[in-house]
Amino acid sequence: MWIHSVNPTGMATTAPPTEIDGDYYVPLWGELTYKPSCSWGAQVLASYDVHPGSSNEDMPSLMAGVMWQPNSACADASGLALR
C-alpha cells in the first residue's frame, strides 16, 4: 500500500506497483574534511550516483556540515583530509 496523502477524513491509498524495480547504481563520492582542532571541523561531501542502465536517473548531490567531536573521543587527527 502506498500512502499518497492524509487528511482529517482519512488516507488516500493505492496498491503498490506490480512491476519489480531491479535497477542498480554505482556511487562515486569524494569527501574533504578540515579540522583546525581535534574537537571541531568542517566537512564537504560530493557524490554522483551512476545508473548504468538508465542515465536519465543519474543524480549528483552535495552536502556540507560542521562537526564536533569531544577531545576524549577524537578519532581523527587535526588537519586536512581528502578521501
PDB file of N, CA and C in Angstrom:
ATOM      1  N   MET A   1       0.845  -1.169   0.000  1.00  0.00           N
ATOM      2  CA  MET A   1       0.000   0.000   0.000  1.00  0.00           C
ATOM      3  C   MET A   1       0.894   1.237   0.000  1.00  0.00           C
ATOM      4  N   TRP A   2       0.591   2.203  -0.824  1.00  0.00           N
ATOM      5  CA  TRP A   2       1.296   3.474  -0.893  1.00  0.00           C
ATOM      6  C   TRP A   2       0.374   4.554  -0.349  1.00  0.00           C
ATOM      7  N   ILE A   3       0.827   5.335   0.628  1.00  0.00           N
ATOM      8  CA  ILE A   3       0.023   6.416   1.191  1.00  0.00           C
ATOM      9  C   ILE A   3       0.358   7.696   0.437  1.00  0.00           C
ATOM     10  N   HIS A   4      -0.649   8.274  -0.229  1.00  0.00           N
ATOM     11  CA  HIS A   4      -0.447   9.497  -1.005  1.00  0.00           C
ATOM     12  C   HIS A   4      -0.676  10.745  -0.175  1.00  0.00           C
ATOM     13  N   SER A   5      -1.701  10.741   0.657  1.00  0.00           N
ATOM     14  CA  SER A   5      -1.991  11.917   1.473  1.00  0.00           C
ATOM     15  C   SER A   5      -2.822  11.509   2.676  1.00  0.00           C
ATOM     16  N   VAL A   6      -2.745  12.324   3.706  1.00  0.00           N
ATOM     17  CA  VAL A   6      -3.517  12.092   4.923  1.00  0.00           C
ATOM     18  C   VAL A   6      -4.267  13.382   5.228  1.00  0.00           C
ATOM     19  N   ASN A   7      -5.563  13.262   5.453  1.00  0.00           N
ATOM     20  CA  ASN A   7      -6.362  14.418   5.837  1.00  0.00           C
ATOM     21  C   ASN A   7      -7.283  14.001   6.973  1.00  0.00           C
ATOM     22  N   PRO A   8      -8.040  14.926   7.580  1.00  0.00           N
ATOM     23  CA  PRO A   8      -8.868  14.571   8.737  1.00  0.00           C
ATOM     24  C   PRO A   8      -9.910  13.484   8.463  1.00  0.00           C
ATOM     25  N   THR A   9     -10.307  13.294   7.195  1.00  0.00           N
ATOM     26  CA  THR A   9     -11.335  12.290   6.898  1.00  0.00           C
ATOM     27  C   THR A   9     -10.763  10.920   6.570  1.00  0.00           C
ATOM     28  N   GLY A  10      -9.468  10.818   6.373  1.00  0.00           N
ATOM     29  CA  GLY A  10      -8.876   9.516   6.082  1.00  0.00           C
ATOM     30  C   GLY A  10      -7.635   9.621   5.223  1.00  0.00           C
ATOM     31  N   MET A  11      -7.147   8.455   4.760  1.00  0.00           N
ATOM     32  CA  MET A  11      -5.946   8.397   3.934  1.00  0.00           C
ATOM     33  C   MET A  11      -6.302   8.013   2.505  1.00  0.00           C
ATOM     34  N   ALA A  12      -5.613   8.608   1.547  1.00  0.00           N
ATOM     35  CA  ALA A  12      -5.748   8.215   0.151  1.00  0.00           C
ATOM     36  C   ALA A  12      -4.648   7.202  -0.135  1.00  0.00           C
ATOM     37  N   THR A  13      -5.014   5.993  -0.498  1.00  0.00           N
ATOM     38  CA  THR A  13      -4.033   4.932  -0.714  1.00  0.00           C
ATOM     39  C   THR A  13      -4.262   4.251  -2.059  1.00  0.00           C
ATOM     40  N   THR A  14      -3.224   3.569  -2.546  1.00  0.00           N
ATOM     41  CA  THR A  14      -3.312   2.728  -3.739  1.00  0.00           C
ATOM     42  C   THR A  14      -2.471   1.491  -3.513  1.00  0.00           C
ATOM     43  N   ALA A  15      -2.659   0.504  -4.359  1.00  0.00           N
ATOM     44  CA  ALA A  15      -1.846  -0.716  -4.286  1.00  0.00           C
ATOM     45  C   ALA A  15      -0.444  -0.417  -4.788  1.00  0.00           C
ATOM     46  N   PRO A  16       0.568  -1.149  -4.311  1.00  0.00           N
ATOM     47  CA  PRO A  16       1.931  -0.938  -4.807  1.00  0.00           C
ATOM     48  C   PRO A  16       2.031  -1.332  -6.277  1.00  0.00           C
ATOM     49  N   PRO A  17       3.029  -0.829  -7.001  1.00  0.00           N
ATOM     50  CA  PRO A  17       3.182  -1.197  -8.412  1.00  0.00           C
ATOM     51  C   PRO A  17       3.445  -2.687  -8.560  1.00  0.00           C
ATOM     52  N   THR A  18       2.976  -3.244  -9.672  1.00  0.00           N
ATOM     53  CA  THR A  18       3.137  -4.681  -9.903  1.00  0.00           C
ATOM     54  C   THR A  18       4.485  -5.031 -10.516  1.00  0.00           C
ATOM     55  N   GLU A  19       5.142  -4.069 -11.148  1.00  0.00           N
ATOM     56  CA  GLU A  19       6.451  -4.366 -11.738  1.00  0.00           C
ATOM     57  C   GLU A  19       7.542  -4.281 -10.678  1.00  0.00           C
ATOM     58  N   ILE A  20       8.545  -5.109 -10.825  1.00  0.00           N
ATOM     59  CA  ILE A  20       9.656  -5.134  -9.887  1.00  0.00           C
ATOM     60  C   ILE A  20      10.769  -4.246 -10.423  1.00  0.00           C
ATOM     61  N   ASP A  21      11.264  -3.360  -9.577  1.00  0.00           N
ATOM     62  CA  ASP A  21      12.343  -2.462  -9.975  1.00  0.00           C
ATOM     63  C   ASP A  21      13.668  -3.095  -9.577  1.00  0.00           C
ATOM     64  N   GLY A  22      14.425  -3.572 -10.547  1.00  0.00           N
ATOM     65  CA  GLY A  22      15.694  -4.228 -10.278  1.00  0.00           C
ATOM     66  C   GLY A  22      16.877  -3.369 -10.670  1.00  0.00           C
ATOM     67  N   ASP A  23      16.702  -2.059 -10.623  1.00  0.00           N
ATOM     68  CA  ASP A  23      17.755  -1.132 -11.025  1.00  0.00           C
ATOM     69  C   ASP A  23      18.908  -1.148 -10.022  1.00  0.00           C
ATOM     70  N   TYR A  24      20.096  -0.831 -10.472  1.00  0.00           N
ATOM     71  CA  TYR A  24      21.268  -0.711  -9.601  1.00  0.00           C
ATOM     72  C   TYR A  24      22.022   0.551  -9.993  1.00  0.00           C
ATOM     73  N   TYR A  25      22.900   0.995  -9.106  1.00  0.00           N
ATOM     74  CA  TYR A  25      23.705   2.170  -9.406  1.00  0.00           C
ATOM     75  C   TYR A  25      25.086   2.015  -8.797  1.00  0.00           C
ATOM     76  N   VAL A  26      26.011   2.811  -9.309  1.00  0.00           N
ATOM     77  CA  VAL A  26      27.387   2.823  -8.830  1.00  0.00           C
ATOM     78  C   VAL A  26      27.627   4.183  -8.171  1.00  0.00           C
ATOM     79  N   PRO A  27      27.841   4.224  -6.848  1.00  0.00           N
ATOM     80  CA  PRO A  27      28.073   5.520  -6.201  1.00  0.00           C
ATOM     81  C   PRO A  27      29.523   5.970  -6.347  1.00  0.00           C
ATOM     82  N   LEU A  28      29.718   7.185  -6.776  1.00  0.00           N
ATOM     83  CA  LEU A  28      31.038   7.809  -6.836  1.00  0.00           C
ATOM     84  C   LEU A  28      31.002   8.960  -5.843  1.00  0.00           C
ATOM     85  N   TRP A  29      32.001   9.082  -4.988  1.00  0.00           N
ATOM     86  CA  TRP A  29      31.956  10.143  -3.984  1.00  0.00           C
ATOM     87  C   TRP A  29      33.352  10.600  -3.611  1.00  0.00           C
ATOM     88  N   GLY A  30      33.403  11.788  -3.070  1.00  0.00           N
ATOM     89  CA  GLY A  30      34.631  12.364  -2.549  1.00  0.00           C
ATOM     90  C   GLY A  30      34.297  13.181  -1.316  1.00  0.00           C
ATOM     91  N   GLU A  31      35.208  13.212  -0.377  1.00  0.00           N
ATOM     92  CA  GLU A  31      34.956  13.898   0.888  1.00  0.00           C
ATOM     93  C   GLU A  31      36.174  14.719   1.268  1.00  0.00           C
ATOM     94  N   LEU A  32      35.948  15.944   1.693  1.00  0.00           N
ATOM     95  CA  LEU A  32      37.013  16.824   2.161  1.00  0.00           C
ATOM     96  C   LEU A  32      36.678  17.240   3.584  1.00  0.00           C
ATOM     97  N   THR A  33      37.592  16.977   4.500  1.00  0.00           N
ATOM     98  CA  THR A  33      37.398  17.311   5.910  1.00  0.00           C
ATOM     99  C   THR A  33      38.527  18.220   6.364  1.00  0.00           C
ATOM    100  N   TYR A  34      38.159  19.306   7.041  1.00  0.00           N
ATOM    101  CA  TYR A  34      39.158  20.199   7.622  1.00  0.00           C
ATOM    102  C   TYR A  34      38.869  20.316   9.106  1.00  0.00           C
ATOM    103  N   LYS A  35      39.864  19.947   9.941  1.00  0.00           N
ATOM    104  CA  LYS A  35      39.730  20.033  11.388  1.00  0.00           C
ATOM    105  C   LYS A  35      40.859  20.903  11.925  1.00  0.00           C
ATOM    106  N   PRO A  36      40.553  22.168  12.285  1.00  0.00           N
ATOM    107  CA  PRO A  36      41.593  23.010  12.863  1.00  0.00           C
ATOM    108  C   PRO A  36      41.999  22.553  14.258  1.00  0.00           C
ATOM    109  N   SER A  37      41.119  21.822  14.927  1.00  0.00           N
ATOM    110  CA  SER A  37      41.439  21.234  16.233  1.00  0.00           C
ATOM    111  C   SER A  37      40.824  19.848  16.272  1.00  0.00           C
ATOM    112  N   CYS A  38      41.123  19.100  17.304  1.00  0.00           N
ATOM    113  CA  CYS A  38      40.581  17.748  17.394  1.00  0.00           C
ATOM    114  C   CYS A  38      39.065  17.759  17.609  1.00  0.00           C
ATOM    115  N   SER A  39      38.553  18.815  18.236  1.00  0.00           N
ATOM    116  CA  SER A  39      37.131  18.848  18.579  1.00  0.00           C
ATOM    117  C   SER A  39      36.227  19.364  17.466  1.00  0.00           C
ATOM    118  N   TRP A  40      36.669  20.322  16.660  1.00  0.00           N
ATOM    119  CA  TRP A  40      35.817  20.987  15.678  1.00  0.00           C
ATOM    120  C   TRP A  40      36.347  20.801  14.271  1.00  0.00           C
ATOM    121  N   GLY A  41      35.432  20.828  13.312  1.00  0.00           N
ATOM    122  CA  GLY A  41      35.850  20.741  11.927  1.00  0.00           C
ATOM    123  C   GLY A  41      34.702  21.041  10.986  1.00  0.00           C
ATOM    124  N   ALA A  42      34.999  21.015   9.709  1.00  0.00           N
ATOM    125  CA  ALA A  42      34.004  21.203   8.650  1.00  0.00           C
ATOM    126  C   ALA A  42      34.210  20.108   7.618  1.00  0.00           C
ATOM    127  N   GLN A  43      33.120  19.717   6.974  1.00  0.00           N
ATOM    128  CA  GLN A  43      33.198  18.616   6.030  1.00  0.00           C
ATOM    129  C   GLN A  43      32.325  18.918   4.816  1.00  0.00           C
ATOM    130  N   VAL A  44      32.818  18.570   3.632  1.00  0.00           N
ATOM    131  CA  VAL A  44      32.068  18.694   2.381  1.00  0.00           C
ATOM    132  C   VAL A  44      32.098  17.324   1.700  1.00  0.00           C
ATOM    133  N   LEU A  45      30.940  16.861   1.258  1.00  0.00           N
ATOM    134  CA  LEU A  45      30.823  15.566   0.583  1.00  0.00           C
ATOM    135  C   LEU A  45      30.116  15.778  -0.743  1.00  0.00           C
ATOM    136  N   ALA A  46      30.714  15.334  -1.834  1.00  0.00           N
ATOM    137  CA  ALA A  46      30.102  15.381  -3.157  1.00  0.00           C
ATOM    138  C   ALA A  46      29.954  13.948  -3.648  1.00  0.00           C
ATOM    139  N   SER A  47      28.784  13.632  -4.177  1.00  0.00           N
ATOM    140  CA  SER A  47      28.582  12.278  -4.696  1.00  0.00           C
ATOM    141  C   SER A  47      27.807  12.335  -6.003  1.00  0.00           C
ATOM    142  N   TYR A  48      27.933  11.266  -6.774  1.00  0.00           N
ATOM    143  CA  TYR A  48      27.240  11.144  -8.047  1.00  0.00           C
ATOM    144  C   TYR A  48      26.850   9.682  -8.211  1.00  0.00           C
ATOM    145  N   ASP A  49      25.558   9.412  -8.275  1.00  0.00           N
ATOM    146  CA  ASP A  49      25.062   8.048  -8.462  1.00  0.00           C
ATOM    147  C   ASP A  49      24.919   7.789  -9.952  1.00  0.00           C
ATOM    148  N   VAL A  50      25.695   6.840 -10.467  1.00  0.00           N
ATOM    149  CA  VAL A  50      25.672   6.491 -11.885  1.00  0.00           C
ATOM    150  C   VAL A  50      24.789   5.261 -12.061  1.00  0.00           C
ATOM    151  N   HIS A  51      23.734   5.393 -12.869  1.00  0.00           N
ATOM    152  CA  HIS A  51      22.839   4.280 -13.194  1.00  0.00           C
ATOM    153  C   HIS A  51      23.220   3.779 -14.589  1.00  0.00           C
ATOM    154  N   PRO A  52      24.005   2.690 -14.682  1.00  0.00           N
ATOM    155  CA  PRO A  52      24.488   2.228 -15.988  1.00  0.00           C
ATOM    156  C   PRO A  52      23.389   1.916 -16.998  1.00  0.00           C
ATOM    157  N   GLY A  53      22.248   1.449 -16.550  1.00  0.00           N
ATOM    158  CA  GLY A  53      21.177   1.089 -17.479  1.00  0.00           C
ATOM    159  C   GLY A  53      20.259   2.230 -17.844  1.00  0.00           C
ATOM    160  N   SER A  54      20.323   3.342 -17.121  1.00  0.00           N
ATOM    161  CA  SER A  54      19.398   4.442 -17.356  1.00  0.00           C
ATOM    162  C   SER A  54      20.047   5.755 -16.919  1.00  0.00           C
ATOM    163  N   SER A  55      20.734   6.407 -17.830  1.00  0.00           N
ATOM    164  CA  SER A  55      21.477   7.612 -17.466  1.00  0.00           C
ATOM    165  C   SER A  55      20.577   8.777 -17.067  1.00  0.00           C
ATOM    166  N   ASN A  56      19.294   8.748 -17.427  1.00  0.00           N
ATOM    167  CA  ASN A  56      18.406   9.835 -17.011  1.00  0.00           C
ATOM    168  C   ASN A  56      18.098   9.784 -15.513  1.00  0.00           C
ATOM    169  N   GLU A  57      18.508   8.720 -14.826  1.00  0.00           N
ATOM    170  CA  GLU A  57      18.324   8.615 -13.378  1.00  0.00           C
ATOM    171  C   GLU A  57      19.596   8.955 -12.600  1.00  0.00           C
ATOM    172  N   ASP A  58      20.700   9.294 -13.294  1.00  0.00           N
ATOM    173  CA  ASP A  58      21.932   9.700 -12.607  1.00  0.00           C
ATOM    174  C   ASP A  58      21.639  10.911 -11.738  1.00  0.00           C
ATOM    175  N   MET A  59      22.248  10.954 -10.546  1.00  0.00           N
ATOM    176  CA  MET A  59      21.917  12.037  -9.632  1.00  0.00           C
ATOM    177  C   MET A  59      23.135  12.524  -8.858  1.00  0.00           C
ATOM    178  N   PRO A  60      23.444  13.833  -8.972  1.00  0.00           N
ATOM    179  CA  PRO A  60      24.520  14.399  -8.157  1.00  0.00           C
ATOM    180  C   PRO A  60      23.973  14.904  -6.820  1.00  0.00           C
ATOM    181  N   SER A  61      24.822  14.986  -5.820  1.00  0.00           N
ATOM    182  CA  SER A  61      24.434  15.599  -4.540  1.00  0.00           C
ATOM    183  C   SER A  61      25.662  16.223  -3.905  1.00  0.00           C
ATOM    184  N   LEU A  62      25.422  17.254  -3.107  1.00  0.00           N
ATOM    185  CA  LEU A  62      26.479  17.973  -2.424  1.00  0.00           C
ATOM    186  C   LEU A  62      25.997  18.268  -1.014  1.00  0.00           C
ATOM    187  N   MET A  63      26.802  17.919  -0.027  1.00  0.00           N
ATOM    188  CA  MET A  63      26.443  18.142   1.374  1.00  0.00           C
ATOM    189  C   MET A  63      27.606  18.813   2.082  1.00  0.00           C
ATOM    190  N   ALA A  64      27.291  19.640   3.061  1.00  0.00           N
ATOM    191  CA  ALA A  64      28.316  20.303   3.855  1.00  0.00           C
ATOM    192  C   ALA A  64      27.833  20.365   5.296  1.00  0.00           C
ATOM    193  N   GLY A  65      28.767  20.355   6.218  1.00  0.00           N
ATOM    194  CA  GLY A  65      28.370  20.410   7.612  1.00  0.00           C
ATOM    195  C   GLY A  65      29.522  20.772   8.527  1.00  0.00           C
ATOM    196  N   VAL A  66      29.153  21.132   9.740  1.00  0.00           N
ATOM    197  CA  VAL A  66      30.109  21.413  10.805  1.00  0.00           C
ATOM    198  C   VAL A  66      30.107  20.206  11.724  1.00  0.00           C
ATOM    199  N   MET A  67      31.288  19.779  12.165  1.00  0.00           N
ATOM    200  CA  MET A  67      31.365  18.612  13.033  1.00  0.00           C
ATOM    201  C   MET A  67      31.980  18.976  14.377  1.00  0.00           C
ATOM    202  N   TRP A  68      31.517  18.294  15.398  1.00  0.00           N
ATOM    203  CA  TRP A  68      32.043  18.452  16.749  1.00  0.00           C
ATOM    204  C   TRP A  68      32.277  17.069  17.316  1.00  0.00           C
ATOM    205  N   GLN A  69      33.445  16.865  17.880  1.00  0.00           N
ATOM    206  CA  GLN A  69      33.819  15.582  18.465  1.00  0.00           C
ATOM    207  C   GLN A  69      34.556  15.880  19.771  1.00  0.00           C
ATOM    208  N   PRO A  70      34.057  15.357  20.897  1.00  0.00           N
ATOM    209  CA  PRO A  70      34.742  15.620  22.172  1.00  0.00           C
ATOM    210  C   PRO A  70      36.204  15.169  22.116  1.00  0.00           C
ATOM    211  N   ASN A  71      37.080  15.905  22.759  1.00  0.00           N
ATOM    212  CA  ASN A  71      38.512  15.570  22.765  1.00  0.00           C
ATOM    213  C   ASN A  71      38.775  14.139  23.213  1.00  0.00           C
ATOM    214  N   SER A  72      38.015  13.657  24.186  1.00  0.00           N
ATOM    215  CA  SER A  72      38.257  12.296  24.691  1.00  0.00           C
ATOM    216  C   SER A  72      37.960  11.228  23.653  1.00  0.00           C
ATOM    217  N   ALA A  73      37.150  11.546  22.646  1.00  0.00           N
ATOM    218  CA  ALA A  73      36.788  10.571  21.614  1.00  0.00           C
ATOM    219  C   ALA A  73      37.379  10.932  20.263  1.00  0.00           C
ATOM    220  N   CYS A  74      38.425  11.724  20.239  1.00  0.00           N
ATOM    221  CA  CYS A  74      39.000  12.209  18.972  1.00  0.00           C
ATOM    222  C   CYS A  74      39.633  11.054  18.188  1.00  0.00           C
ATOM    223  N   ALA A  75      38.935  10.632  17.144  1.00  0.00           N
ATOM    224  CA  ALA A  75      39.430   9.525  16.327  1.00  0.00           C
ATOM    225  C   ALA A  75      40.263  10.006  15.148  1.00  0.00           C
ATOM    226  N   ASP A  76      39.968  11.221  14.649  1.00  0.00           N
ATOM    227  CA  ASP A  76      40.694  11.772  13.506  1.00  0.00           C
ATOM    228  C   ASP A  76      41.569  12.922  13.966  1.00  0.00           C
ATOM    229  N   ALA A  77      42.801  12.910  13.547  1.00  0.00           N
ATOM    230  CA  ALA A  77      43.728  13.976  13.938  1.00  0.00           C
ATOM    231  C   ALA A  77      43.360  15.295  13.270  1.00  0.00           C
ATOM    232  N   SER A  78      43.845  16.390  13.828  1.00  0.00           N
ATOM    233  CA  SER A  78      43.615  17.714  13.237  1.00  0.00           C
ATOM    234  C   SER A  78      44.305  17.793  11.884  1.00  0.00           C
ATOM    235  N   GLY A  79      43.749  18.620  10.993  1.00  0.00           N
ATOM    236  CA  GLY A  79      44.367  18.811   9.691  1.00  0.00           C
ATOM    237  C   GLY A  79      43.366  18.715   8.564  1.00  0.00           C
ATOM    238  N   LEU A  80      43.858  18.530   7.354  1.00  0.00           N
ATOM    239  CA  LEU A  80      43.052  18.448   6.144  1.00  0.00           C
ATOM    240  C   LEU A  80      43.103  17.021   5.628  1.00  0.00           C
ATOM    241  N   ALA A  81      41.940  16.448   5.307  1.00  0.00           N
ATOM    242  CA  ALA A  81      41.897  15.072   4.794  1.00  0.00           C
ATOM    243  C   ALA A  81      41.015  15.015   3.553  1.00  0.00           C
ATOM    244  N   LEU A  82      41.481  14.368   2.505  1.00  0.00           N
ATOM    245  CA  LEU A  82      40.724  14.154   1.282  1.00  0.00           C
ATOM    246  C   LEU A  82      40.551  12.652   1.094  1.00  0.00           C
ATOM    247  N   ARG A  83      39.327  12.235   0.999  1.00  0.00           N
ATOM    248  CA  ARG A  83      39.052  10.793   0.838  1.00  0.00           C
ATOM    249  C   ARG A  83      38.203  10.575  -0.383  1.00  0.00           C
TER     250      ARG A  83
END
